């Protein structure tokens, strides 16, 4: 996915995240909504990771299109 597409997808995910959060101010999310919010966060991490890979490849004079989406288990463990 090209940078523009990644940024668009990130915006969509953030908008959905905010809609979920705003819809439940003062009330708990359902189990389904909690699961969706968790999935949104994973998808956001994967998109940001891919965008950073593309930027790094470009800065190193490499083809950004060779960057690959990493598995969620890899991306989610960066924080630890």
PDB file of N, CA and C in Angstrom:
ATOM      1  N   UNK A   1       0.843  -1.171   0.000  1.00  0.00           N
ATOM      2  CA  UNK A   1       0.000   0.000   0.000  1.00  0.00           C
ATOM      3  C   UNK A   1       0.891   1.239   0.000  1.00  0.00           C
ATOM      4  N   UNK A   2       0.548   2.203  -0.805  1.00  0.00           N
ATOM      5  CA  UNK A   2       1.317   3.444  -0.896  1.00  0.00           C
ATOM      6  C   UNK A   2       1.062   4.323   0.328  1.00  0.00           C
ATOM      7  N   UNK A   3       1.934   5.300   0.530  1.00  0.00           N
ATOM      8  CA  UNK A   3       1.841   6.178   1.693  1.00  0.00           C
ATOM      9  C   UNK A   3       0.458   6.823   1.816  1.00  0.00           C
ATOM     10  N   UNK A   4      -0.051   7.335   0.723  1.00  0.00           N
ATOM     11  CA  UNK A   4      -1.357   8.007   0.753  1.00  0.00           C
ATOM     12  C   UNK A   4      -2.456   7.055   1.218  1.00  0.00           C
ATOM     13  N   UNK A   5      -2.436   5.847   0.718  1.00  0.00           N
ATOM     14  CA  UNK A   5      -3.416   4.846   1.125  1.00  0.00           C
ATOM     15  C   UNK A   5      -3.288   4.496   2.599  1.00  0.00           C
ATOM     16  N   UNK A   6      -2.056   4.400   3.080  1.00  0.00           N
ATOM     17  CA  UNK A   6      -1.827   4.113   4.498  1.00  0.00           C
ATOM     18  C   UNK A   6      -2.347   5.245   5.375  1.00  0.00           C
ATOM     19  N   UNK A   7      -2.050   6.461   4.979  1.00  0.00           N
ATOM     20  CA  UNK A   7      -2.521   7.610   5.763  1.00  0.00           C
ATOM     21  C   UNK A   7      -4.049   7.674   5.772  1.00  0.00           C
ATOM     22  N   UNK A   8      -4.657   7.365   4.642  1.00  0.00           N
ATOM     23  CA  UNK A   8      -6.118   7.344   4.560  1.00  0.00           C
ATOM     24  C   UNK A   8      -6.683   6.268   5.491  1.00  0.00           C
ATOM     25  N   UNK A   9      -6.088   5.089   5.474  1.00  0.00           N
ATOM     26  CA  UNK A   9      -6.549   3.994   6.331  1.00  0.00           C
ATOM     27  C   UNK A   9      -6.371   4.347   7.802  1.00  0.00           C
ATOM     28  N   UNK A  10      -5.250   4.984   8.153  1.00  0.00           N
ATOM     29  CA  UNK A  10      -5.016   5.417   9.530  1.00  0.00           C
ATOM     30  C   UNK A  10      -6.110   6.395   9.959  1.00  0.00           C
ATOM     31  N   UNK A  11      -6.434   7.339   9.103  1.00  0.00           N
ATOM     32  CA  UNK A  11      -7.488   8.311   9.410  1.00  0.00           C
ATOM     33  C   UNK A  11      -8.824   7.622   9.621  1.00  0.00           C
ATOM     34  N   UNK A  12      -9.143   6.659   8.766  1.00  0.00           N
ATOM     35  CA  UNK A  12     -10.404   5.916   8.924  1.00  0.00           C
ATOM     36  C   UNK A  12     -10.450   5.191  10.266  1.00  0.00           C
ATOM     37  N   UNK A  13      -9.356   4.538  10.621  1.00  0.00           N
ATOM     38  CA  UNK A  13      -9.312   3.790  11.876  1.00  0.00           C
ATOM     39  C   UNK A  13      -9.415   4.720  13.085  1.00  0.00           C
ATOM     40  N   UNK A  14      -8.715   5.834  13.042  1.00  0.00           N
ATOM     41  CA  UNK A  14      -8.776   6.798  14.143  1.00  0.00           C
ATOM     42  C   UNK A  14     -10.191   7.363  14.274  1.00  0.00           C
ATOM     43  N   UNK A  15     -10.813   7.672  13.155  1.00  0.00           N
ATOM     44  CA  UNK A  15     -12.190   8.173  13.188  1.00  0.00           C
ATOM     45  C   UNK A  15     -13.133   7.147  13.817  1.00  0.00           C
ATOM     46  N   UNK A  16     -12.979   5.889  13.443  1.00  0.00           N
ATOM     47  CA  UNK A  16     -13.819   4.840  14.013  1.00  0.00           C
ATOM     48  C   UNK A  16     -13.558   4.695  15.518  1.00  0.00           C
ATOM     49  N   UNK A  17     -12.294   4.751  15.900  1.00  0.00           N
ATOM     50  CA  UNK A  17     -11.926   4.668  17.312  1.00  0.00           C
ATOM     51  C   UNK A  17     -12.600   5.791  18.100  1.00  0.00           C
ATOM     52  N   UNK A  18     -12.532   7.003  17.572  1.00  0.00           N
ATOM     53  CA  UNK A  18     -13.124   8.153  18.247  1.00  0.00           C
ATOM     54  C   UNK A  18     -14.645   8.047  18.321  1.00  0.00           C
ATOM     55  N   UNK A  19     -15.276   7.552  17.251  1.00  0.00           N
ATOM     56  CA  UNK A  19     -16.731   7.363  17.270  1.00  0.00           C
ATOM     57  C   UNK A  19     -17.136   6.388  18.371  1.00  0.00           C
ATOM     58  N   UNK A  20     -16.418   5.290  18.469  1.00  0.00           N
ATOM     59  CA  UNK A  20     -16.711   4.308  19.517  1.00  0.00           C
ATOM     60  C   UNK A  20     -16.557   4.923  20.906  1.00  0.00           C
ATOM     61  N   UNK A  21     -15.481   5.642  21.097  1.00  0.00           N
ATOM     62  CA  UNK A  21     -15.212   6.235  22.408  1.00  0.00           C
ATOM     63  C   UNK A  21     -16.245   7.306  22.753  1.00  0.00           C
ATOM     64  N   UNK A  22     -16.591   8.164  21.792  1.00  0.00           N
ATOM     65  CA  UNK A  22     -17.566   9.233  22.042  1.00  0.00           C
ATOM     66  C   UNK A  22     -18.962   8.676  22.302  1.00  0.00           C
ATOM     67  N   UNK A  23     -19.287   7.583  21.664  1.00  0.00           N
ATOM     68  CA  UNK A  23     -20.617   6.992  21.817  1.00  0.00           C
ATOM     69  C   UNK A  23     -20.816   6.402  23.207  1.00  0.00           C
ATOM     70  N   UNK A  24     -19.742   6.233  23.954  1.00  0.00           N
ATOM     71  CA  UNK A  24     -19.842   5.566  25.239  1.00  0.00           C
ATOM     72  C   UNK A  24     -19.243   6.361  26.381  1.00  0.00           C
ATOM     73  N   UNK A  25     -19.247   7.662  26.261  1.00  0.00           N
ATOM     74  CA  UNK A  25     -18.752   8.480  27.356  1.00  0.00           C
ATOM     75  C   UNK A  25     -19.671   8.233  28.556  1.00  0.00           C
ATOM     76  N   UNK A  26     -19.087   7.769  29.641  1.00  0.00           N
ATOM     77  CA  UNK A  26     -19.854   7.502  30.855  1.00  0.00           C
ATOM     78  C   UNK A  26     -20.543   6.153  30.889  1.00  0.00           C
ATOM     79  N   UNK A  27     -20.471   5.394  29.795  1.00  0.00           N
ATOM     80  CA  UNK A  27     -21.065   4.055  29.773  1.00  0.00           C
ATOM     81  C   UNK A  27     -20.047   3.077  29.216  1.00  0.00           C
ATOM     82  N   UNK A  28     -20.073   1.858  29.705  1.00  0.00           N
ATOM     83  CA  UNK A  28     -19.089   0.875  29.240  1.00  0.00           C
ATOM     84  C   UNK A  28     -19.371   0.384  27.823  1.00  0.00           C
ATOM     85  N   UNK A  29     -18.320  -0.002  27.145  1.00  0.00           N
ATOM     86  CA  UNK A  29     -18.440  -0.629  25.831  1.00  0.00           C
ATOM     87  C   UNK A  29     -18.923  -2.061  25.998  1.00  0.00           C
ATOM     88  N   UNK A  30     -19.633  -2.543  25.003  1.00  0.00           N
ATOM     89  CA  UNK A  30     -20.015  -3.953  25.003  1.00  0.00           C
ATOM     90  C   UNK A  30     -18.773  -4.787  24.722  1.00  0.00           C
ATOM     91  N   UNK A  31     -18.866  -6.076  24.951  1.00  0.00           N
ATOM     92  CA  UNK A  31     -17.732  -6.963  24.667  1.00  0.00           C
ATOM     93  C   UNK A  31     -17.351  -6.882  23.193  1.00  0.00           C
ATOM     94  N   UNK A  32     -18.355  -6.803  22.328  1.00  0.00           N
ATOM     95  CA  UNK A  32     -18.092  -6.705  20.883  1.00  0.00           C
ATOM     96  C   UNK A  32     -17.377  -5.397  20.549  1.00  0.00           C
ATOM     97  N   UNK A  33     -17.797  -4.316  21.180  1.00  0.00           N
ATOM     98  CA  UNK A  33     -17.155  -3.017  20.936  1.00  0.00           C
ATOM     99  C   UNK A  33     -15.732  -2.990  21.493  1.00  0.00           C
ATOM    100  N   UNK A  34     -15.524  -3.606  22.641  1.00  0.00           N
ATOM    101  CA  UNK A  34     -14.170  -3.696  23.195  1.00  0.00           C
ATOM    102  C   UNK A  34     -13.258  -4.477  22.252  1.00  0.00           C
ATOM    103  N   UNK A  35     -13.781  -5.570  21.719  1.00  0.00           N
ATOM    104  CA  UNK A  35     -12.997  -6.372  20.776  1.00  0.00           C
ATOM    105  C   UNK A  35     -12.678  -5.562  19.522  1.00  0.00           C
ATOM    106  N   UNK A  36     -13.656  -4.802  19.047  1.00  0.00           N
ATOM    107  CA  UNK A  36     -13.426  -3.974  17.855  1.00  0.00           C
ATOM    108  C   UNK A  36     -12.387  -2.905  18.150  1.00  0.00           C
ATOM    109  N   UNK A  37     -12.468  -2.276  19.304  1.00  0.00           N
ATOM    110  CA  UNK A  37     -11.489  -1.254  19.677  1.00  0.00           C
ATOM    111  C   UNK A  37     -10.089  -1.853  19.771  1.00  0.00           C
ATOM    112  N   UNK A  38      -9.993  -3.041  20.324  1.00  0.00           N
ATOM    113  CA  UNK A  38      -8.694  -3.733  20.376  1.00  0.00           C
ATOM    114  C   UNK A  38      -8.169  -3.991  18.966  1.00  0.00           C
ATOM    115  N   UNK A  39      -9.045  -4.431  18.070  1.00  0.00           N
ATOM    116  CA  UNK A  39      -8.633  -4.707  16.688  1.00  0.00           C
ATOM    117  C   UNK A  39      -8.215  -3.428  15.977  1.00  0.00           C
ATOM    118  N   UNK A  40      -8.923  -2.347  16.219  1.00  0.00           N
ATOM    119  CA  UNK A  40      -8.557  -1.056  15.630  1.00  0.00           C
ATOM    120  C   UNK A  40      -7.145  -0.684  16.065  1.00  0.00           C
ATOM    121  N   UNK A  41      -6.850  -0.855  17.349  1.00  0.00           N
ATOM    122  CA  UNK A  41      -5.515  -0.504  17.853  1.00  0.00           C
ATOM    123  C   UNK A  41      -4.420  -1.352  17.217  1.00  0.00           C
ATOM    124  N   UNK A  42      -4.687  -2.618  17.018  1.00  0.00           N
ATOM    125  CA  UNK A  42      -3.716  -3.490  16.351  1.00  0.00           C
ATOM    126  C   UNK A  42      -3.538  -3.046  14.898  1.00  0.00           C
ATOM    127  N   UNK A  43      -4.651  -2.784  14.219  1.00  0.00           N
ATOM    128  CA  UNK A  43      -4.573  -2.347  12.823  1.00  0.00           C
ATOM    129  C   UNK A  43      -3.829  -1.029  12.689  1.00  0.00           C
ATOM    130  N   UNK A  44      -4.061  -0.121  13.629  1.00  0.00           N
ATOM    131  CA  UNK A  44      -3.326   1.153  13.615  1.00  0.00           C
ATOM    132  C   UNK A  44      -1.833   0.922  13.800  1.00  0.00           C
ATOM    133  N   UNK A  45      -1.464   0.069  14.733  1.00  0.00           N
ATOM    134  CA  UNK A  45      -0.048  -0.223  14.955  1.00  0.00           C
ATOM    135  C   UNK A  45       0.592  -0.804  13.694  1.00  0.00           C
ATOM    136  N   UNK A  46      -0.119  -1.674  13.027  1.00  0.00           N
ATOM    137  CA  UNK A  46       0.424  -2.297  11.809  1.00  0.00           C
ATOM    138  C   UNK A  46       0.568  -1.271  10.684  1.00  0.00           C
ATOM    139  N   UNK A  47      -0.413  -0.382  10.561  1.00  0.00           N
ATOM    140  CA  UNK A  47      -0.328   0.657   9.526  1.00  0.00           C
ATOM    141  C   UNK A  47       0.832   1.615   9.802  1.00  0.00           C
ATOM    142  N   UNK A  48       0.937   2.065  11.062  1.00  0.00           N
ATOM    143  CA  UNK A  48       2.038   2.964  11.413  1.00  0.00           C
ATOM    144  C   UNK A  48       3.390   2.294  11.195  1.00  0.00           C
ATOM    145  N   UNK A  49       3.483   1.023  11.543  1.00  0.00           N
ATOM    146  CA  UNK A  49       4.726   0.285  11.339  1.00  0.00           C
ATOM    147  C   UNK A  49       5.094   0.235   9.858  1.00  0.00           C
ATOM    148  N   UNK A  50       4.125  -0.054   9.019  1.00  0.00           N
ATOM    149  CA  UNK A  50       4.390  -0.124   7.583  1.00  0.00           C
ATOM    150  C   UNK A  50       4.793   1.245   7.039  1.00  0.00           C
ATOM    151  N   UNK A  51       4.133   2.292   7.493  1.00  0.00           N
ATOM    152  CA  UNK A  51       4.489   3.638   7.047  1.00  0.00           C
ATOM    153  C   UNK A  51       5.913   3.994   7.474  1.00  0.00           C
ATOM    154  N   UNK A  52       6.281   3.624   8.699  1.00  0.00           N
ATOM    155  CA  UNK A  52       7.654   3.879   9.174  1.00  0.00           C
ATOM    156  C   UNK A  52       8.681   3.066   8.383  1.00  0.00           C
ATOM    157  N   UNK A  53       8.331   1.832   8.061  1.00  0.00           N
ATOM    158  CA  UNK A  53       9.231   1.014   7.227  1.00  0.00           C
ATOM    159  C   UNK A  53       9.447   1.682   5.876  1.00  0.00           C
ATOM    160  N   UNK A  54       8.365   2.155   5.284  1.00  0.00           N
ATOM    161  CA  UNK A  54       8.462   2.811   3.972  1.00  0.00           C
ATOM    162  C   UNK A  54       9.347   4.053   4.057  1.00  0.00           C
ATOM    163  N   UNK A  55       9.151   4.850   5.104  1.00  0.00           N
ATOM    164  CA  UNK A  55       9.980   6.049   5.293  1.00  0.00           C
ATOM    165  C   UNK A  55      11.446   5.682   5.470  1.00  0.00           C
ATOM    166  N   UNK A  56      11.722   4.649   6.258  1.00  0.00           N
ATOM    167  CA  UNK A  56      13.102   4.225   6.504  1.00  0.00           C
ATOM    168  C   UNK A  56      13.748   3.709   5.222  1.00  0.00           C
ATOM    169  N   UNK A  57      13.020   2.936   4.465  1.00  0.00           N
ATOM    170  CA  UNK A  57      13.561   2.418   3.201  1.00  0.00           C
ATOM    171  C   UNK A  57      13.851   3.576   2.249  1.00  0.00           C
ATOM    172  N   UNK A  58      12.955   4.521   2.181  1.00  0.00           N
ATOM    173  CA  UNK A  58      13.144   5.680   1.305  1.00  0.00           C
ATOM    174  C   UNK A  58      14.390   6.463   1.735  1.00  0.00           C
ATOM    175  N   UNK A  59      14.548   6.675   3.041  1.00  0.00           N
ATOM    176  CA  UNK A  59      15.689   7.424   3.563  1.00  0.00           C
ATOM    177  C   UNK A  59      17.003   6.699   3.308  1.00  0.00           C
ATOM    178  N   UNK A  60      16.938   5.373   3.233  1.00  0.00           N
ATOM    179  CA  UNK A  60      18.139   4.570   2.989  1.00  0.00           C
ATOM    180  C   UNK A  60      18.388   4.352   1.495  1.00  0.00           C
ATOM    181  N   UNK A  61      17.596   5.004   0.647  1.00  0.00           N
ATOM    182  CA  UNK A  61      17.773   4.861  -0.791  1.00  0.00           C
ATOM    183  C   UNK A  61      17.239   3.549  -1.330  1.00  0.00           C
ATOM    184  N   UNK A  62      16.371   2.894  -0.571  1.00  0.00           N
ATOM    185  CA  UNK A  62      15.780   1.625  -0.998  1.00  0.00           C
ATOM    186  C   UNK A  62      14.345   1.851  -1.473  1.00  0.00           C
ATOM    187  N   UNK A  63      13.801   0.854  -2.111  1.00  0.00           N
ATOM    188  CA  UNK A  63      12.447   0.929  -2.634  1.00  0.00           C
ATOM    189  C   UNK A  63      11.432   0.787  -1.495  1.00  0.00           C
ATOM    190  N   UNK A  64      10.636   1.836  -1.230  1.00  0.00           N
ATOM    191  CA  UNK A  64       9.653   1.739  -0.153  1.00  0.00           C
ATOM    192  C   UNK A  64       8.574   0.699  -0.427  1.00  0.00           C
ATOM    193  N   UNK A  65       8.354   0.364  -1.696  1.00  0.00           N
ATOM    194  CA  UNK A  65       7.335  -0.625  -2.039  1.00  0.00           C
ATOM    195  C   UNK A  65       7.725  -2.043  -1.628  1.00  0.00           C
ATOM    196  N   UNK A  66       8.969  -2.227  -1.209  1.00  0.00           N
ATOM    197  CA  UNK A  66       9.397  -3.541  -0.729  1.00  0.00           C
ATOM    198  C   UNK A  66       9.110  -3.737   0.762  1.00  0.00           C
ATOM    199  N   UNK A  67       8.633  -2.687   1.437  1.00  0.00           N
ATOM    200  CA  UNK A  67       8.243  -2.821   2.843  1.00  0.00           C
ATOM    201  C   UNK A  67       7.039  -3.753   2.909  1.00  0.00           C
ATOM    202  N   UNK A  68       6.975  -4.521   3.976  1.00  0.00           N
ATOM    203  CA  UNK A  68       5.893  -5.491   4.121  1.00  0.00           C
ATOM    204  C   UNK A  68       5.182  -5.329   5.451  1.00  0.00           C
ATOM    205  N   UNK A  69       3.890  -5.560   5.413  1.00  0.00           N
ATOM    206  CA  UNK A  69       3.107  -5.522   6.642  1.00  0.00           C
ATOM    207  C   UNK A  69       3.569  -6.654   7.545  1.00  0.00           C
ATOM    208  N   UNK A  70       3.878  -6.307   8.769  1.00  0.00           N
ATOM    209  CA  UNK A  70       4.335  -7.319   9.724  1.00  0.00           C
ATOM    210  C   UNK A  70       3.137  -7.905  10.469  1.00  0.00           C
ATOM    211  N   UNK A  71       3.326  -9.116  10.927  1.00  0.00           N
ATOM    212  CA  UNK A  71       2.302  -9.799  11.697  1.00  0.00           C
ATOM    213  C   UNK A  71       2.007  -9.006  12.972  1.00  0.00           C
ATOM    214  N   UNK A  72       0.762  -9.048  13.393  1.00  0.00           N
ATOM    215  CA  UNK A  72       0.361  -8.316  14.603  1.00  0.00           C
ATOM    216  C   UNK A  72       1.197  -8.729  15.811  1.00  0.00           C
ATOM    217  N   UNK A  73       1.532  -9.995  15.913  1.00  0.00           N
ATOM    218  CA  UNK A  73       2.309 -10.453  17.074  1.00  0.00           C
ATOM    219  C   UNK A  73       3.693  -9.788  17.116  1.00  0.00           C
ATOM    220  N   UNK A  74       4.240  -9.444  15.986  1.00  0.00           N
ATOM    221  CA  UNK A  74       5.536  -8.756  15.926  1.00  0.00           C
ATOM    222  C   UNK A  74       5.363  -7.294  16.318  1.00  0.00           C
ATOM    223  N   UNK A  75       4.419  -6.640  15.685  1.00  0.00           N
ATOM    224  CA  UNK A  75       4.211  -5.204  15.902  1.00  0.00           C
ATOM    225  C   UNK A  75       3.766  -4.917  17.333  1.00  0.00           C
ATOM    226  N   UNK A  76       2.922  -5.751  17.875  1.00  0.00           N
ATOM    227  CA  UNK A  76       2.416  -5.526  19.224  1.00  0.00           C
ATOM    228  C   UNK A  76       3.490  -5.728  20.290  1.00  0.00           C
ATOM    229  N   UNK A  77       4.544  -6.424  19.984  1.00  0.00           N
ATOM    230  CA  UNK A  77       5.613  -6.647  20.959  1.00  0.00           C
ATOM    231  C   UNK A  77       6.696  -5.585  20.926  1.00  0.00           C
ATOM    232  N   UNK A  78       6.578  -4.591  20.055  1.00  0.00           N
ATOM    233  CA  UNK A  78       7.563  -3.504  20.021  1.00  0.00           C
ATOM    234  C   UNK A  78       7.551  -2.692  21.311  1.00  0.00           C
ATOM    235  N   UNK A  79       6.420  -2.597  21.943  1.00  0.00           N
ATOM    236  CA  UNK A  79       6.279  -1.753  23.134  1.00  0.00           C
ATOM    237  C   UNK A  79       6.923  -2.355  24.361  1.00  0.00           C
ATOM    238  N   UNK A  80       7.225  -3.608  24.328  1.00  0.00           N
ATOM    239  CA  UNK A  80       7.729  -4.282  25.524  1.00  0.00           C
ATOM    240  C   UNK A  80       9.234  -4.190  25.624  1.00  0.00           C
TER     241      UNK A  80
END
